[in-house]
Structure formats: structure tokens, C-alpha cells
Amino acid sequence: MTASSISKKKSYVTAGIFGLLLSVGYLHKALDLPMGALDEPGAGLFPILVSAIMAFASLATLWEGMKAPATDAIDIPSGTDRARLIKLILLLSAYFVAIPWLGYSVSSFLFCAALIRLLSKSSWVRCAVYAAIMTAVVYGVFIYLLKVPMPTMALEF
């Protein structure tokens, strides 16, 4: 299977601009959240840090794209690798859409289990165990250590 290719310069510049726009939009929404205090940071602190890191990475990507020769190309996967990449993008999109309705714990558990299954040949039981451990650890770090509230389930059963 052969991989197709695209211009490195164009793809880096496009990704850098998209990342900058995304980080500005994320920052705009984050400024509506409470900042909290130094000993108990509010829900707005983490998104502001994420948007700053993303803006920095986007600027670095944009800079790299501007410096790249127009003749350089990037290979795009084909065949089963392309299918796996598309599944990963769809899985991430579903995760971001699911968080407001299913809450952090349920959507993260489902995402982690599906991601591990997608990237490995592990059984669903093993994927579920790993997903439960990862979800619990991240939940514990954010809730108990950082004291940042996580999204809760919006659907009522």
C-alpha cells in the first residue's frame, strides 16, 4: 500500500491557524468560568492553561510551516492505517460530544475502553479493567488533588 502525500508547508500553516483559532475560542469560553482561589483553583484555571499551551504549540507549528520548503511533503497513511486514524478521530469526536450528556466518568470509561481496543488486540474485559483504572486515577487527581469539578451526567434515568 502506498501513502499519498500533501505539502508540509501548507499542512503545518493550516494546522497552526486552526489551532490558534481553536485556542482563542477555548480561552473565550474559559473566561466565563470561575477562577477560584490560590488554595482551591476554580473550574476556569485548567482551560486557561490548556488554551495557553495550545496557542504556544500552534504558533510553533505555524513557525515551522513558514520555514519549511515548499517542496517538502508529508505522507498520509493508507489502507488499514488510514482506517485506524479515521476511527480514532471519530472516537475522539464522540467522546467530546458525550461528556456533557454522560458526564466525565462514563464517557471517559467508554472512550478509554474503545481506544485501547482500537489500538491493541486486548480482550474487552482487559480493556474495561484498564479503562476503569485510568478513569479512576484521572478522576482522583482532578477531584481530590486539584479540586477541579468534573462534568456530571446531564441525562436523567
C-alpha atoms as a PDB file:
ATOM      1  CA  MET A   1       0.000   0.000   0.000  1.00  0.00           C
ATOM      2  CA  THR A   2       1.290   3.392  -0.885  1.00  0.00           C
ATOM      3  CA  ALA A   3       0.731   6.523   1.089  1.00  0.00           C
ATOM      4  CA  SER A   4      -0.428   9.727  -0.513  1.00  0.00           C
ATOM      5  CA  SER A   5       1.315  12.957   0.386  1.00  0.00           C
ATOM      6  CA  ILE A   6       0.486  16.612   0.953  1.00  0.00           C
ATOM      7  CA  SER A   7       2.589  19.753   1.181  1.00  0.00           C
ATOM      8  CA  LYS A   8       4.304  20.082   4.564  1.00  0.00           C
ATOM      9  CA  LYS A   9       4.254  23.880   4.388  1.00  0.00           C
ATOM     10  CA  LYS A  10       0.530  24.107   3.646  1.00  0.00           C
ATOM     11  CA  SER A  11      -0.473  21.481   6.205  1.00  0.00           C
ATOM     12  CA  TYR A  12       1.606  22.998   9.032  1.00  0.00           C
ATOM     13  CA  VAL A  13       0.350  26.526   8.336  1.00  0.00           C
ATOM     14  CA  THR A  14      -3.257  25.292   8.158  1.00  0.00           C
ATOM     15  CA  ALA A  15      -2.899  23.293  11.381  1.00  0.00           C
ATOM     16  CA  GLY A  16      -1.239  26.260  13.134  1.00  0.00           C
ATOM     17  CA  ILE A  17      -4.002  28.677  12.147  1.00  0.00           C
ATOM     18  CA  PHE A  18      -6.716  26.169  13.087  1.00  0.00           C
ATOM     19  CA  GLY A  19      -5.036  25.552  16.453  1.00  0.00           C
ATOM     20  CA  LEU A  20      -4.761  29.278  17.163  1.00  0.00           C
ATOM     21  CA  LEU A  21      -8.434  29.835  16.359  1.00  0.00           C
ATOM     22  CA  LEU A  22      -9.409  26.861  18.498  1.00  0.00           C
ATOM     23  CA  SER A  23      -7.303  28.067  21.450  1.00  0.00           C
ATOM     24  CA  VAL A  24      -8.782  31.592  21.226  1.00  0.00           C
ATOM     25  CA  GLY A  25     -12.312  30.145  21.221  1.00  0.00           C
ATOM     26  CA  TYR A  26     -11.440  27.862  24.130  1.00  0.00           C
ATOM     27  CA  LEU A  27      -9.968  30.778  26.074  1.00  0.00           C
ATOM     28  CA  HIS A  28     -13.066  32.876  25.383  1.00  0.00           C
ATOM     29  CA  LYS A  29     -15.312  30.164  26.859  1.00  0.00           C
ATOM     30  CA  ALA A  30     -12.904  29.547  29.766  1.00  0.00           C
ATOM     31  CA  LEU A  31     -13.051  33.176  30.873  1.00  0.00           C
ATOM     32  CA  ASP A  32     -16.732  32.656  31.778  1.00  0.00           C
ATOM     33  CA  LEU A  33     -15.757  30.043  34.391  1.00  0.00           C
ATOM     34  CA  PRO A  34     -14.817  30.892  37.994  1.00  0.00           C
ATOM     35  CA  MET A  35     -11.090  31.190  38.705  1.00  0.00           C
ATOM     36  CA  GLY A  36     -11.300  30.241  42.379  1.00  0.00           C
ATOM     37  CA  ALA A  37      -8.558  30.986  44.891  1.00  0.00           C
ATOM     38  CA  LEU A  38      -4.893  30.029  45.077  1.00  0.00           C
ATOM     39  CA  ASP A  39      -5.519  27.178  47.519  1.00  0.00           C
ATOM     40  CA  GLU A  40      -8.650  25.999  45.653  1.00  0.00           C
ATOM     41  CA  PRO A  41      -8.428  26.718  41.932  1.00  0.00           C
ATOM     42  CA  GLY A  42     -11.734  27.075  40.156  1.00  0.00           C
ATOM     43  CA  ALA A  43     -13.004  25.438  37.020  1.00  0.00           C
ATOM     44  CA  GLY A  44     -11.561  28.185  34.804  1.00  0.00           C
ATOM     45  CA  LEU A  45      -7.896  27.669  35.642  1.00  0.00           C
ATOM     46  CA  PHE A  46      -7.302  24.428  33.764  1.00  0.00           C
ATOM     47  CA  PRO A  47      -8.932  25.572  30.481  1.00  0.00           C
ATOM     48  CA  ILE A  48      -6.884  28.778  30.538  1.00  0.00           C
ATOM     49  CA  LEU A  49      -3.680  26.779  30.940  1.00  0.00           C
ATOM     50  CA  VAL A  50      -4.726  24.411  28.165  1.00  0.00           C
ATOM     51  CA  SER A  51      -5.541  27.279  25.810  1.00  0.00           C
ATOM     52  CA  ALA A  52      -2.164  28.926  26.511  1.00  0.00           C
ATOM     53  CA  ILE A  53      -0.288  25.685  25.855  1.00  0.00           C
ATOM     54  CA  MET A  54      -2.312  25.070  22.710  1.00  0.00           C
ATOM     55  CA  ALA A  55      -1.693  28.613  21.448  1.00  0.00           C
ATOM     56  CA  PHE A  56       2.045  28.186  22.025  1.00  0.00           C
ATOM     57  CA  ALA A  57       2.073  24.834  20.199  1.00  0.00           C
ATOM     58  CA  SER A  58       0.027  26.323  17.348  1.00  0.00           C
ATOM     59  CA  LEU A  59       2.444  29.237  16.992  1.00  0.00           C
ATOM     60  CA  ALA A  60       5.362  26.797  16.929  1.00  0.00           C
ATOM     61  CA  THR A  61       3.580  24.756  14.241  1.00  0.00           C
ATOM     62  CA  LEU A  62       2.868  27.894  12.234  1.00  0.00           C
ATOM     63  CA  TRP A  63       6.510  28.974  12.535  1.00  0.00           C
ATOM     64  CA  GLU A  64       7.724  25.548  11.436  1.00  0.00           C
ATOM     65  CA  GLY A  65       5.379  25.675   8.452  1.00  0.00           C
ATOM     66  CA  MET A  66       6.624  29.093   7.399  1.00  0.00           C
ATOM     67  CA  LYS A  67      10.238  27.854   7.483  1.00  0.00           C
ATOM     68  CA  ALA A  68       9.539  24.611   5.592  1.00  0.00           C
ATOM     69  CA  PRO A  69      10.496  24.444   1.921  1.00  0.00           C
ATOM     70  CA  ALA A  70       7.535  24.270  -0.435  1.00  0.00           C
ATOM     71  CA  THR A  71       8.870  21.019  -1.893  1.00  0.00           C
ATOM     72  CA  ASP A  72       8.714  19.035   1.390  1.00  0.00           C
ATOM     73  CA  ALA A  73       5.818  16.612   1.681  1.00  0.00           C
ATOM     74  CA  ILE A  74       4.094  14.675   4.453  1.00  0.00           C
ATOM     75  CA  ASP A  75       2.922  11.116   3.846  1.00  0.00           C
ATOM     76  CA  ILE A  76      -0.698  10.362   4.700  1.00  0.00           C
ATOM     77  CA  PRO A  77      -1.389   6.777   5.775  1.00  0.00           C
ATOM     78  CA  SER A  78      -3.411   4.499   3.548  1.00  0.00           C
ATOM     79  CA  GLY A  79      -5.218   1.202   3.896  1.00  0.00           C
ATOM     80  CA  THR A  80      -5.696  -0.160   7.423  1.00  0.00           C
ATOM     81  CA  ASP A  81      -3.593   2.633   8.947  1.00  0.00           C
ATOM     82  CA  ARG A  82      -5.881   5.269   7.409  1.00  0.00           C
ATOM     83  CA  ALA A  83      -8.954   3.393   8.642  1.00  0.00           C
ATOM     84  CA  ARG A  84      -7.493   3.289  12.167  1.00  0.00           C
ATOM     85  CA  LEU A  85      -6.736   7.020  12.030  1.00  0.00           C
ATOM     86  CA  ILE A  86     -10.287   7.818  10.931  1.00  0.00           C
ATOM     87  CA  LYS A  87     -11.687   5.614  13.704  1.00  0.00           C
ATOM     88  CA  LEU A  88      -9.521   7.461  16.231  1.00  0.00           C
ATOM     89  CA  ILE A  89     -10.789  10.842  15.018  1.00  0.00           C
ATOM     90  CA  LEU A  90     -14.396   9.628  15.180  1.00  0.00           C
ATOM     91  CA  LEU A  91     -13.818   8.182  18.648  1.00  0.00           C
ATOM     92  CA  LEU A  92     -12.391  11.477  19.936  1.00  0.00           C
ATOM     93  CA  SER A  93     -15.300  13.394  18.402  1.00  0.00           C
ATOM     94  CA  ALA A  94     -17.819  11.066  20.043  1.00  0.00           C
ATOM     95  CA  TYR A  95     -16.012  11.470  23.385  1.00  0.00           C
ATOM     96  CA  PHE A  96     -16.192  15.266  23.275  1.00  0.00           C
ATOM     97  CA  VAL A  97     -19.875  15.141  22.339  1.00  0.00           C
ATOM     98  CA  ALA A  98     -20.658  12.554  25.044  1.00  0.00           C
ATOM     99  CA  ILE A  99     -19.053  14.368  28.003  1.00  0.00           C
ATOM    100  CA  PRO A 100     -21.877  16.911  28.534  1.00  0.00           C
ATOM    101  CA  TRP A 101     -24.564  14.194  28.472  1.00  0.00           C
ATOM    102  CA  LEU A 102     -22.885  11.212  30.071  1.00  0.00           C
ATOM    103  CA  GLY A 103     -20.510  13.054  32.387  1.00  0.00           C
ATOM    104  CA  TYR A 104     -16.775  12.603  32.746  1.00  0.00           C
ATOM    105  CA  SER A 105     -16.692   9.165  34.341  1.00  0.00           C
ATOM    106  CA  VAL A 106     -18.988   7.274  31.979  1.00  0.00           C
ATOM    107  CA  SER A 107     -17.749   8.913  28.766  1.00  0.00           C
ATOM    108  CA  SER A 108     -14.081   8.570  29.755  1.00  0.00           C
ATOM    109  CA  PHE A 109     -14.519   4.910  30.669  1.00  0.00           C
ATOM    110  CA  LEU A 110     -16.202   4.185  27.320  1.00  0.00           C
ATOM    111  CA  PHE A 111     -13.611   6.215  25.409  1.00  0.00           C
ATOM    112  CA  CYS A 112     -10.631   4.561  27.113  1.00  0.00           C
ATOM    113  CA  ALA A 113     -12.024   1.069  26.622  1.00  0.00           C
ATOM    114  CA  ALA A 114     -12.774   1.678  22.953  1.00  0.00           C
ATOM    115  CA  LEU A 115      -9.402   3.366  22.372  1.00  0.00           C
ATOM    116  CA  ILE A 116      -7.429   0.531  23.978  1.00  0.00           C
ATOM    117  CA  ARG A 117      -9.425  -1.987  21.957  1.00  0.00           C
ATOM    118  CA  LEU A 118      -8.813   0.014  18.750  1.00  0.00           C
ATOM    119  CA  LEU A 119      -5.058   0.233  19.298  1.00  0.00           C
ATOM    120  CA  SER A 120      -4.435  -3.267  20.640  1.00  0.00           C
ATOM    121  CA  LYS A 121      -5.631  -6.832  20.397  1.00  0.00           C
ATOM    122  CA  SER A 122      -6.622  -6.966  24.081  1.00  0.00           C
ATOM    123  CA  SER A 123      -9.917  -8.532  25.108  1.00  0.00           C
ATOM    124  CA  TRP A 124     -12.841  -6.312  26.008  1.00  0.00           C
ATOM    125  CA  VAL A 125     -12.561  -7.385  29.651  1.00  0.00           C
ATOM    126  CA  ARG A 126      -8.910  -6.320  29.848  1.00  0.00           C
ATOM    127  CA  CYS A 127      -9.758  -3.052  28.043  1.00  0.00           C
ATOM    128  CA  ALA A 128     -12.542  -2.392  30.551  1.00  0.00           C
ATOM    129  CA  VAL A 129     -10.220  -3.013  33.514  1.00  0.00           C
ATOM    130  CA  TYR A 130      -7.550  -0.670  32.131  1.00  0.00           C
ATOM    131  CA  ALA A 131     -10.192   1.943  31.301  1.00  0.00           C
ATOM    132  CA  ALA A 132     -11.630   1.781  34.812  1.00  0.00           C
ATOM    133  CA  ILE A 133      -8.173   2.236  36.349  1.00  0.00           C
ATOM    134  CA  MET A 134      -7.282   5.173  34.088  1.00  0.00           C
ATOM    135  CA  THR A 135     -10.631   6.884  34.614  1.00  0.00           C
ATOM    136  CA  ALA A 136     -10.412   6.469  38.394  1.00  0.00           C
ATOM    137  CA  VAL A 137      -6.843   7.799  38.579  1.00  0.00           C
ATOM    138  CA  VAL A 138      -7.565  10.894  36.487  1.00  0.00           C
ATOM    139  CA  TYR A 139     -10.811  11.483  38.383  1.00  0.00           C
ATOM    140  CA  GLY A 140      -8.975  11.230  41.705  1.00  0.00           C
ATOM    141  CA  VAL A 141      -6.242  13.617  40.601  1.00  0.00           C
ATOM    142  CA  PHE A 142      -8.674  16.260  39.379  1.00  0.00           C
ATOM    143  CA  ILE A 143     -11.318  15.967  42.101  1.00  0.00           C
ATOM    144  CA  TYR A 144      -9.236  15.305  45.208  1.00  0.00           C
ATOM    145  CA  LEU A 145      -5.776  16.631  44.418  1.00  0.00           C
ATOM    146  CA  LEU A 146      -6.509  19.624  42.155  1.00  0.00           C
ATOM    147  CA  LYS A 147     -10.079  20.157  43.463  1.00  0.00           C
ATOM    148  CA  VAL A 148     -11.409  20.824  39.967  1.00  0.00           C
ATOM    149  CA  PRO A 149     -15.038  19.829  39.401  1.00  0.00           C
ATOM    150  CA  MET A 150     -15.574  17.390  36.550  1.00  0.00           C
ATOM    151  CA  PRO A 151     -18.641  17.374  34.277  1.00  0.00           C
ATOM    152  CA  THR A 152     -21.525  15.356  35.684  1.00  0.00           C
ATOM    153  CA  MET A 153     -24.195  13.422  33.839  1.00  0.00           C
ATOM    154  CA  ALA A 154     -26.876  15.611  32.254  1.00  0.00           C
ATOM    155  CA  LEU A 155     -29.194  12.749  31.340  1.00  0.00           C
ATOM    156  CA  GLU A 156     -31.646  11.651  33.996  1.00  0.00           C
ATOM    157  CA  PHE A 157     -32.618   7.991  34.104  1.00  0.00           C
END
